Amino acid sequence: MHELWNTDIDIEAILGEQRLTLGEVLRWKPGSQIFFNTDPETFVDMVCGNVVMFRGKVGRKKDALAIKIEDVLDPQKEESYDS
């Protein structure tokens, strides 16, 4: 059982979502900007697989982006992200 706690998992932070047409995406080039309806006060979902595990707010620590966890969610009660 101890080995289970040492298993590596991937956590993704969903900073925003945007619905676009394929034509818009195919016009992207270096320097293109994609705008989201997200601001510094918006909660960010942190996902493992397709399960929302945590919610937090984006900030900075030195030169890195950081997420301060505000809520630990019950995966059985939360919506999942379809991958």
PDB file of N, CA and C in Angstrom:
ATOM      1  N   MET A   1       0.826  -1.195   0.000  1.00  0.00           N
ATOM      2  CA  MET A   1       0.000   0.000   0.000  1.00  0.00           C
ATOM      3  C   MET A   1       0.869   1.258   0.000  1.00  0.00           C
ATOM      4  N   HIS A   2       2.017   1.216   0.653  1.00  0.00           N
ATOM      5  CA  HIS A   2       2.898   2.383   0.707  1.00  0.00           C
ATOM      6  C   HIS A   2       3.335   2.810  -0.692  1.00  0.00           C
ATOM      7  N   GLU A   3       3.527   1.844  -1.589  1.00  0.00           N
ATOM      8  CA  GLU A   3       3.940   2.166  -2.958  1.00  0.00           C
ATOM      9  C   GLU A   3       2.882   2.975  -3.695  1.00  0.00           C
ATOM     10  N   LEU A   4       1.625   2.786  -3.368  1.00  0.00           N
ATOM     11  CA  LEU A   4       0.542   3.529  -4.001  1.00  0.00           C
ATOM     12  C   LEU A   4       0.707   5.030  -3.771  1.00  0.00           C
ATOM     13  N   TRP A   5       1.121   5.430  -2.598  1.00  0.00           N
ATOM     14  CA  TRP A   5       1.293   6.852  -2.274  1.00  0.00           C
ATOM     15  C   TRP A   5       2.455   7.473  -3.027  1.00  0.00           C
ATOM     16  N   ASN A   6       3.340   6.677  -3.577  1.00  0.00           N
ATOM     17  CA  ASN A   6       4.489   7.169  -4.341  1.00  0.00           C
ATOM     18  C   ASN A   6       4.249   7.142  -5.847  1.00  0.00           C
ATOM     19  N   THR A   7       3.023   6.834  -6.261  1.00  0.00           N
ATOM     20  CA  THR A   7       2.690   6.788  -7.682  1.00  0.00           C
ATOM     21  C   THR A   7       2.628   8.205  -8.243  1.00  0.00           C
ATOM     22  N   ASP A   8       3.281   8.436  -9.371  1.00  0.00           N
ATOM     23  CA  ASP A   8       3.221   9.734 -10.043  1.00  0.00           C
ATOM     24  C   ASP A   8       1.882   9.888 -10.759  1.00  0.00           C
ATOM     25  N   ILE A   9       1.281  11.060 -10.624  1.00  0.00           N
ATOM     26  CA  ILE A   9       0.048  11.380 -11.341  1.00  0.00           C
ATOM     27  C   ILE A   9       0.219  12.732 -12.010  1.00  0.00           C
ATOM     28  N   ASP A  10      -0.578  12.989 -13.033  1.00  0.00           N
ATOM     29  CA  ASP A  10      -0.567  14.281 -13.712  1.00  0.00           C
ATOM     30  C   ASP A  10      -1.739  15.111 -13.222  1.00  0.00           C
ATOM     31  N   ILE A  11      -1.469  16.366 -12.886  1.00  0.00           N
ATOM     32  CA  ILE A  11      -2.499  17.327 -12.521  1.00  0.00           C
ATOM     33  C   ILE A  11      -2.468  18.434 -13.567  1.00  0.00           C
ATOM     34  N   GLU A  12      -3.615  18.760 -14.130  1.00  0.00           N
ATOM     35  CA  GLU A  12      -3.716  19.841 -15.106  1.00  0.00           C
ATOM     36  C   GLU A  12      -4.530  20.973 -14.508  1.00  0.00           C
ATOM     37  N   ALA A  13      -4.123  22.190 -14.775  1.00  0.00           N
ATOM     38  CA  ALA A  13      -4.883  23.365 -14.361  1.00  0.00           C
ATOM     39  C   ALA A  13      -5.613  23.891 -15.589  1.00  0.00           C
ATOM     40  N   ILE A  14      -6.921  23.956 -15.516  1.00  0.00           N
ATOM     41  CA  ILE A  14      -7.738  24.438 -16.623  1.00  0.00           C
ATOM     42  C   ILE A  14      -7.910  25.945 -16.422  1.00  0.00           C
ATOM     43  N   LEU A  15      -7.102  26.721 -17.136  1.00  0.00           N
ATOM     44  CA  LEU A  15      -7.095  28.167 -16.962  1.00  0.00           C
ATOM     45  C   LEU A  15      -8.277  28.841 -17.640  1.00  0.00           C
ATOM     46  N   GLY A  16      -8.818  28.204 -18.643  1.00  0.00           N
ATOM     47  CA  GLY A  16      -9.966  28.762 -19.348  1.00  0.00           C
ATOM     48  C   GLY A  16     -10.333  27.865 -20.502  1.00  0.00           C
ATOM     49  N   GLU A  17     -11.534  28.044 -20.987  1.00  0.00           N
ATOM     50  CA  GLU A  17     -11.990  27.290 -22.149  1.00  0.00           C
ATOM     51  C   GLU A  17     -12.638  28.262 -23.117  1.00  0.00           C
ATOM     52  N   GLN A  18     -12.500  27.975 -24.372  1.00  0.00           N
ATOM     53  CA  GLN A  18     -13.031  28.852 -25.407  1.00  0.00           C
ATOM     54  C   GLN A  18     -13.523  27.985 -26.558  1.00  0.00           C
ATOM     55  N   ARG A  19     -14.697  28.271 -27.059  1.00  0.00           N
ATOM     56  CA  ARG A  19     -15.218  27.553 -28.220  1.00  0.00           C
ATOM     57  C   ARG A  19     -14.879  28.375 -29.462  1.00  0.00           C
ATOM     58  N   LEU A  20     -14.180  27.744 -30.393  1.00  0.00           N
ATOM     59  CA  LEU A  20     -13.743  28.399 -31.622  1.00  0.00           C
ATOM     60  C   LEU A  20     -14.079  27.514 -32.806  1.00  0.00           C
ATOM     61  N   THR A  21     -14.120  28.127 -33.968  1.00  0.00           N
ATOM     62  CA  THR A  21     -14.314  27.320 -35.174  1.00  0.00           C
ATOM     63  C   THR A  21     -12.959  26.744 -35.590  1.00  0.00           C
ATOM     64  N   LEU A  22     -13.001  25.682 -36.345  1.00  0.00           N
ATOM     65  CA  LEU A  22     -11.774  25.096 -36.866  1.00  0.00           C
ATOM     66  C   LEU A  22     -11.031  26.109 -37.728  1.00  0.00           C
ATOM     67  N   GLY A  23     -11.775  26.909 -38.492  1.00  0.00           N
ATOM     68  CA  GLY A  23     -11.156  27.934 -39.333  1.00  0.00           C
ATOM     69  C   GLY A  23     -10.348  28.928 -38.513  1.00  0.00           C
ATOM     70  N   GLU A  24     -10.884  29.339 -37.357  1.00  0.00           N
ATOM     71  CA  GLU A  24     -10.149  30.263 -36.486  1.00  0.00           C
ATOM     72  C   GLU A  24      -8.853  29.624 -35.987  1.00  0.00           C
ATOM     73  N   VAL A  25      -8.940  28.391 -35.564  1.00  0.00           N
ATOM     74  CA  VAL A  25      -7.758  27.693 -35.046  1.00  0.00           C
ATOM     75  C   VAL A  25      -6.707  27.524 -36.136  1.00  0.00           C
ATOM     76  N   LEU A  26      -7.129  27.199 -37.360  1.00  0.00           N
ATOM     77  CA  LEU A  26      -6.182  26.985 -38.450  1.00  0.00           C
ATOM     78  C   LEU A  26      -5.478  28.275 -38.878  1.00  0.00           C
ATOM     79  N   ARG A  27      -6.035  29.429 -38.502  1.00  0.00           N
ATOM     80  CA  ARG A  27      -5.385  30.710 -38.810  1.00  0.00           C
ATOM     81  C   ARG A  27      -4.363  31.131 -37.752  1.00  0.00           C
ATOM     82  N   TRP A  28      -4.240  30.371 -36.677  1.00  0.00           N
ATOM     83  CA  TRP A  28      -3.267  30.712 -35.644  1.00  0.00           C
ATOM     84  C   TRP A  28      -1.861  30.639 -36.206  1.00  0.00           C
ATOM     85  N   LYS A  29      -1.025  31.522 -35.739  1.00  0.00           N
ATOM     86  CA  LYS A  29       0.396  31.534 -36.098  1.00  0.00           C
ATOM     87  C   LYS A  29       1.144  32.071 -34.885  1.00  0.00           C
ATOM     88  N   PRO A  30       2.466  31.990 -34.867  1.00  0.00           N
ATOM     89  CA  PRO A  30       3.204  32.546 -33.739  1.00  0.00           C
ATOM     90  C   PRO A  30       2.804  34.005 -33.518  1.00  0.00           C
ATOM     91  N   GLY A  31       2.493  34.335 -32.285  1.00  0.00           N
ATOM     92  CA  GLY A  31       2.064  35.688 -31.951  1.00  0.00           C
ATOM     93  C   GLY A  31       0.554  35.838 -31.856  1.00  0.00           C
ATOM     94  N   SER A  32      -0.205  34.835 -32.320  1.00  0.00           N
ATOM     95  CA  SER A  32      -1.669  34.896 -32.196  1.00  0.00           C
ATOM     96  C   SER A  32      -2.048  34.902 -30.715  1.00  0.00           C
ATOM     97  N   GLN A  33      -3.130  35.585 -30.396  1.00  0.00           N
ATOM     98  CA  GLN A  33      -3.610  35.636 -29.020  1.00  0.00           C
ATOM     99  C   GLN A  33      -4.990  35.015 -28.936  1.00  0.00           C
ATOM    100  N   ILE A  34      -5.209  34.249 -27.873  1.00  0.00           N
ATOM    101  CA  ILE A  34      -6.498  33.626 -27.612  1.00  0.00           C
ATOM    102  C   ILE A  34      -7.000  34.224 -26.307  1.00  0.00           C
ATOM    103  N   PHE A  35      -8.206  34.784 -26.332  1.00  0.00           N
ATOM    104  CA  PHE A  35      -8.746  35.442 -25.155  1.00  0.00           C
ATOM    105  C   PHE A  35      -9.771  34.553 -24.466  1.00  0.00           C
ATOM    106  N   PHE A  36      -9.709  34.539 -23.152  1.00  0.00           N
ATOM    107  CA  PHE A  36     -10.633  33.764 -22.335  1.00  0.00           C
ATOM    108  C   PHE A  36     -11.399  34.709 -21.429  1.00  0.00           C
ATOM    109  N   ASN A  37     -12.579  34.289 -21.010  1.00  0.00           N
ATOM    110  CA  ASN A  37     -13.360  35.067 -20.051  1.00  0.00           C
ATOM    111  C   ASN A  37     -12.896  34.732 -18.638  1.00  0.00           C
ATOM    112  N   THR A  38     -11.615  34.928 -18.393  1.00  0.00           N
ATOM    113  CA  THR A  38     -10.993  34.609 -17.119  1.00  0.00           C
ATOM    114  C   THR A  38     -10.291  35.853 -16.616  1.00  0.00           C
ATOM    115  N   ASP A  39     -10.434  36.107 -15.326  1.00  0.00           N
ATOM    116  CA  ASP A  39      -9.703  37.217 -14.725  1.00  0.00           C
ATOM    117  C   ASP A  39      -8.995  36.705 -13.475  1.00  0.00           C
ATOM    118  N   PRO A  40      -8.186  37.533 -12.824  1.00  0.00           N
ATOM    119  CA  PRO A  40      -7.421  37.048 -11.668  1.00  0.00           C
ATOM    120  C   PRO A  40      -8.274  36.513 -10.523  1.00  0.00           C
ATOM    121  N   GLU A  41      -9.542  36.858 -10.480  1.00  0.00           N
ATOM    122  CA  GLU A  41     -10.415  36.374  -9.407  1.00  0.00           C
ATOM    123  C   GLU A  41     -11.162  35.096  -9.768  1.00  0.00           C
ATOM    124  N   THR A  42     -11.029  34.643 -11.006  1.00  0.00           N
ATOM    125  CA  THR A  42     -11.718  33.440 -11.461  1.00  0.00           C
ATOM    126  C   THR A  42     -11.070  32.198 -10.855  1.00  0.00           C
ATOM    127  N   PHE A  43     -11.899  31.272 -10.405  1.00  0.00           N
ATOM    128  CA  PHE A  43     -11.371  30.009  -9.894  1.00  0.00           C
ATOM    129  C   PHE A  43     -10.909  29.136 -11.055  1.00  0.00           C
ATOM    130  N   VAL A  44      -9.832  28.423 -10.848  1.00  0.00           N
ATOM    131  CA  VAL A  44      -9.241  27.523 -11.822  1.00  0.00           C
ATOM    132  C   VAL A  44      -9.473  26.098 -11.338  1.00  0.00           C
ATOM    133  N   ASP A  45      -9.953  25.227 -12.224  1.00  0.00           N
ATOM    134  CA  ASP A  45     -10.121  23.815 -11.879  1.00  0.00           C
ATOM    135  C   ASP A  45      -8.805  23.084 -12.058  1.00  0.00           C
ATOM    136  N   MET A  46      -8.490  22.238 -11.098  1.00  0.00           N
ATOM    137  CA  MET A  46      -7.316  21.370 -11.195  1.00  0.00           C
ATOM    138  C   MET A  46      -7.836  19.946 -11.356  1.00  0.00           C
ATOM    139  N   VAL A  47      -7.385  19.303 -12.433  1.00  0.00           N
ATOM    140  CA  VAL A  47      -7.973  18.057 -12.886  1.00  0.00           C
ATOM    141  C   VAL A  47      -6.924  16.948 -12.901  1.00  0.00           C
ATOM    142  N   CYS A  48      -7.331  15.770 -12.470  1.00  0.00           N
ATOM    143  CA  CYS A  48      -6.513  14.562 -12.591  1.00  0.00           C
ATOM    144  C   CYS A  48      -7.301  13.606 -13.474  1.00  0.00           C
ATOM    145  N   GLY A  49      -6.739  13.276 -14.638  1.00  0.00           N
ATOM    146  CA  GLY A  49      -7.508  12.508 -15.624  1.00  0.00           C
ATOM    147  C   GLY A  49      -8.611  13.412 -16.134  1.00  0.00           C
ATOM    148  N   ASN A  50      -9.845  13.039 -15.898  1.00  0.00           N
ATOM    149  CA  ASN A  50     -10.955  13.922 -16.268  1.00  0.00           C
ATOM    150  C   ASN A  50     -11.783  14.292 -15.037  1.00  0.00           C
ATOM    151  N   VAL A  51     -11.181  14.161 -13.845  1.00  0.00           N
ATOM    152  CA  VAL A  51     -11.886  14.417 -12.593  1.00  0.00           C
ATOM    153  C   VAL A  51     -11.383  15.706 -11.966  1.00  0.00           C
ATOM    154  N   VAL A  52     -12.312  16.622 -11.669  1.00  0.00           N
ATOM    155  CA  VAL A  52     -11.950  17.865 -10.987  1.00  0.00           C
ATOM    156  C   VAL A  52     -11.673  17.535  -9.524  1.00  0.00           C
ATOM    157  N   MET A  53     -10.449  17.824  -9.073  1.00  0.00           N
ATOM    158  CA  MET A  53     -10.038  17.481  -7.711  1.00  0.00           C
ATOM    159  C   MET A  53      -9.948  18.701  -6.795  1.00  0.00           C
ATOM    160  N   PHE A  54      -9.502  19.832  -7.371  1.00  0.00           N
ATOM    161  CA  PHE A  54      -9.279  21.037  -6.576  1.00  0.00           C
ATOM    162  C   PHE A  54      -9.732  22.248  -7.360  1.00  0.00           C
ATOM    163  N   ARG A  55      -9.977  23.341  -6.647  1.00  0.00           N
ATOM    164  CA  ARG A  55     -10.258  24.625  -7.262  1.00  0.00           C
ATOM    165  C   ARG A  55      -9.399  25.663  -6.549  1.00  0.00           C
ATOM    166  N   GLY A  56      -8.825  26.586  -7.348  1.00  0.00           N
ATOM    167  CA  GLY A  56      -7.966  27.589  -6.738  1.00  0.00           C
ATOM    168  C   GLY A  56      -7.891  28.844  -7.578  1.00  0.00           C
ATOM    169  N   LYS A  57      -7.065  29.763  -7.120  1.00  0.00           N
ATOM    170  CA  LYS A  57      -6.874  31.033  -7.830  1.00  0.00           C
ATOM    171  C   LYS A  57      -5.429  31.149  -8.290  1.00  0.00           C
ATOM    172  N   VAL A  58      -5.271  31.729  -9.474  1.00  0.00           N
ATOM    173  CA  VAL A  58      -3.946  31.885 -10.068  1.00  0.00           C
ATOM    174  C   VAL A  58      -3.242  33.064  -9.415  1.00  0.00           C
ATOM    175  N   GLY A  59      -1.958  32.873  -9.189  1.00  0.00           N
ATOM    176  CA  GLY A  59      -1.118  33.943  -8.672  1.00  0.00           C
ATOM    177  C   GLY A  59       0.288  33.761  -9.211  1.00  0.00           C
ATOM    178  N   ARG A  60       1.232  34.407  -8.561  1.00  0.00           N
ATOM    179  CA  ARG A  60       2.635  34.283  -8.961  1.00  0.00           C
ATOM    180  C   ARG A  60       3.485  34.032  -7.736  1.00  0.00           C
ATOM    181  N   LYS A  61       4.548  33.293  -7.928  1.00  0.00           N
ATOM    182  CA  LYS A  61       5.576  33.128  -6.911  1.00  0.00           C
ATOM    183  C   LYS A  61       6.892  33.271  -7.652  1.00  0.00           C
ATOM    184  N   LYS A  62       7.575  34.363  -7.380  1.00  0.00           N
ATOM    185  CA  LYS A  62       8.791  34.727  -8.101  1.00  0.00           C
ATOM    186  C   LYS A  62       8.478  34.785  -9.594  1.00  0.00           C
ATOM    187  N   ASP A  63       9.163  33.996 -10.410  1.00  0.00           N
ATOM    188  CA  ASP A  63       8.960  34.049 -11.859  1.00  0.00           C
ATOM    189  C   ASP A  63       7.995  32.993 -12.378  1.00  0.00           C
ATOM    190  N   ALA A  64       7.295  32.309 -11.480  1.00  0.00           N
ATOM    191  CA  ALA A  64       6.426  31.209 -11.902  1.00  0.00           C
ATOM    192  C   ALA A  64       4.963  31.520 -11.598  1.00  0.00           C
ATOM    193  N   LEU A  65       4.083  30.980 -12.425  1.00  0.00           N
ATOM    194  CA  LEU A  65       2.661  31.009 -12.089  1.00  0.00           C
ATOM    195  C   LEU A  65       2.418  29.997 -10.988  1.00  0.00           C
ATOM    196  N   ALA A  66       1.469  30.291 -10.138  1.00  0.00           N
ATOM    197  CA  ALA A  66       1.132  29.386  -9.039  1.00  0.00           C
ATOM    198  C   ALA A  66      -0.382  29.353  -8.901  1.00  0.00           C
ATOM    199  N   ILE A  67      -0.897  28.301  -8.290  1.00  0.00           N
ATOM    200  CA  ILE A  67      -2.321  28.214  -7.990  1.00  0.00           C
ATOM    201  C   ILE A  67      -2.456  27.958  -6.504  1.00  0.00           C
ATOM    202  N   LYS A  68      -3.189  28.840  -5.846  1.00  0.00           N
ATOM    203  CA  LYS A  68      -3.478  28.665  -4.425  1.00  0.00           C
ATOM    204  C   LYS A  68      -4.770  27.872  -4.317  1.00  0.00           C
ATOM    205  N   ILE A  69      -4.704  26.685  -3.737  1.00  0.00           N
ATOM    206  CA  ILE A  69      -5.878  25.825  -3.619  1.00  0.00           C
ATOM    207  C   ILE A  69      -6.826  26.427  -2.596  1.00  0.00           C
ATOM    208  N   GLU A  70      -8.060  26.651  -3.038  1.00  0.00           N
ATOM    209  CA  GLU A  70      -9.100  27.220  -2.183  1.00  0.00           C
ATOM    210  C   GLU A  70     -10.100  26.153  -1.738  1.00  0.00           C
ATOM    211  N   ASP A  71     -10.339  25.150  -2.600  1.00  0.00           N
ATOM    212  CA  ASP A  71     -11.311  24.102  -2.291  1.00  0.00           C
ATOM    213  C   ASP A  71     -10.749  22.740  -2.671  1.00  0.00           C
ATOM    214  N   VAL A  72     -10.951  21.761  -1.793  1.00  0.00           N
ATOM    215  CA  VAL A  72     -10.676  20.359  -2.099  1.00  0.00           C
ATOM    216  C   VAL A  72     -12.040  19.749  -2.366  1.00  0.00           C
ATOM    217  N   LEU A  73     -12.214  19.202  -3.563  1.00  0.00           N
ATOM    218  CA  LEU A  73     -13.527  18.753  -4.009  1.00  0.00           C
ATOM    219  C   LEU A  73     -13.687  17.250  -3.851  1.00  0.00           C
ATOM    220  N   ASP A  74     -14.918  16.834  -3.717  1.00  0.00           N
ATOM    221  CA  ASP A  74     -15.252  15.418  -3.671  1.00  0.00           C
ATOM    222  C   ASP A  74     -15.444  14.950  -5.110  1.00  0.00           C
ATOM    223  N   PRO A  75     -14.512  14.160  -5.644  1.00  0.00           N
ATOM    224  CA  PRO A  75     -14.591  13.760  -7.058  1.00  0.00           C
ATOM    225  C   PRO A  75     -15.898  13.063  -7.426  1.00  0.00           C
ATOM    226  N   GLN A  76     -16.556  12.442  -6.476  1.00  0.00           N
ATOM    227  CA  GLN A  76     -17.810  11.744  -6.790  1.00  0.00           C
ATOM    228  C   GLN A  76     -18.971  12.713  -6.972  1.00  0.00           C
ATOM    229  N   LYS A  77     -18.828  13.946  -6.483  1.00  0.00           N
ATOM    230  CA  LYS A  77     -19.917  14.920  -6.584  1.00  0.00           C
ATOM    231  C   LYS A  77     -19.655  15.964  -7.672  1.00  0.00           C
ATOM    232  N   GLU A  78     -18.456  16.001  -8.212  1.00  0.00           N
ATOM    233  CA  GLU A  78     -18.090  17.031  -9.176  1.00  0.00           C
ATOM    234  C   GLU A  78     -18.273  16.551 -10.610  1.00  0.00           C
ATOM    235  N   GLU A  79     -18.458  17.507 -11.506  1.00  0.00           N
ATOM    236  CA  GLU A  79     -18.507  17.189 -12.930  1.00  0.00           C
ATOM    237  C   GLU A  79     -17.120  16.801 -13.385  1.00  0.00           C
ATOM    238  N   SER A  80     -17.053  16.014 -14.423  1.00  0.00           N
ATOM    239  CA  SER A  80     -15.757  15.643 -14.983  1.00  0.00           C
ATOM    240  C   SER A  80     -15.568  16.327 -16.314  1.00  0.00           C
ATOM    241  N   TYR A  81     -14.303  16.457 -16.708  1.00  0.00           N
ATOM    242  CA  TYR A  81     -13.961  16.993 -18.022  1.00  0.00           C
ATOM    243  C   TYR A  81     -13.844  15.845 -18.971  1.00  0.00           C
ATOM    244  N   ASP A  82     -14.468  15.971 -20.134  1.00  0.00           N
ATOM    245  CA  ASP A  82     -14.325  14.938 -21.152  1.00  0.00           C
ATOM    246  C   ASP A  82     -13.035  15.207 -21.909  1.00  0.00           C
ATOM    247  N   SER A  83     -12.177  14.230 -21.939  1.00  0.00           N
ATOM    248  CA  SER A  83     -10.891  14.382 -22.635  1.00  0.00           C
ATOM    249  C   SER A  83     -11.038  14.031 -24.080  1.00  0.00           C
TER     250      SER A  83
END
